[in-house]
Protein backbone atom coordinates (compact mmCIF):
# COMPACT_ATOMS: atom_id res chain seq x y z
CA MET A 1 69.67 201.19 -82.66
CA LYS A 2 72.03 199.36 -84.48
CA GLN A 3 71.37 198.93 -87.84
CA LEU A 4 71.74 203.00 -87.97
CA ASP A 5 75.50 202.12 -86.42
CA ALA A 6 75.98 199.42 -89.32
CA ILE A 7 75.51 202.24 -91.10
CA THR A 8 77.58 204.24 -90.40
CA TYR A 9 80.12 201.69 -90.08
CA GLU A 10 79.70 201.17 -93.86
CA ILE A 11 80.04 205.18 -94.67
CA ALA A 12 82.97 205.95 -92.24
CA LYS A 13 84.28 202.85 -94.77
CA GLU A 14 83.17 204.75 -98.20
CA LEU A 15 84.91 208.29 -96.54
CA ARG A 16 87.90 206.98 -95.80
CA VAL A 17 88.35 205.50 -99.46
CA ILE A 18 87.37 209.19 -100.79
CA ALA A 19 89.90 210.58 -98.60
CA LYS A 20 92.39 208.73 -99.81
CA ALA A 21 90.74 209.18 -102.99
CA PHE A 22 91.37 213.50 -102.53
CA PRO A 23 95.17 214.22 -100.51
CA ASN A 24 93.30 218.65 -101.11
CA PRO A 25 91.51 218.55 -97.27
CA ASN A 26 89.63 221.99 -99.23
CA MET A 27 87.75 218.70 -101.91
CA MET A 28 87.39 216.71 -98.64
CA ASP A 29 85.98 219.91 -96.99
CA GLU A 30 82.95 221.07 -99.78
CA ARG A 31 82.45 216.35 -99.26
CA GLY A 32 82.18 216.75 -95.90
CA LYS A 33 79.86 219.59 -95.67
CA GLU A 34 77.81 218.27 -98.20
CA PHE A 35 78.06 214.66 -96.78
CA LYS A 36 76.74 216.25 -93.26
CA ASN A 37 73.78 218.07 -95.05
CA ILE A 38 72.82 214.91 -96.71
CA LEU A 39 72.84 213.90 -93.44
CA THR A 40 70.88 216.37 -91.18
CA LYS A 41 68.40 216.53 -93.43
CA GLY A 42 67.44 212.42 -93.35
CA ILE A 43 67.14 212.64 -89.42
């Protein structure tokens, strides 16, 4: 479980960088949906 937490933390850091790179919220929504799909598919 600890490994998963570390991965989640790394992903969160990446998402913050992406959020700063794409100030347009609609763009973030698309990325977020895509990202969520990838995550839920992996489980």
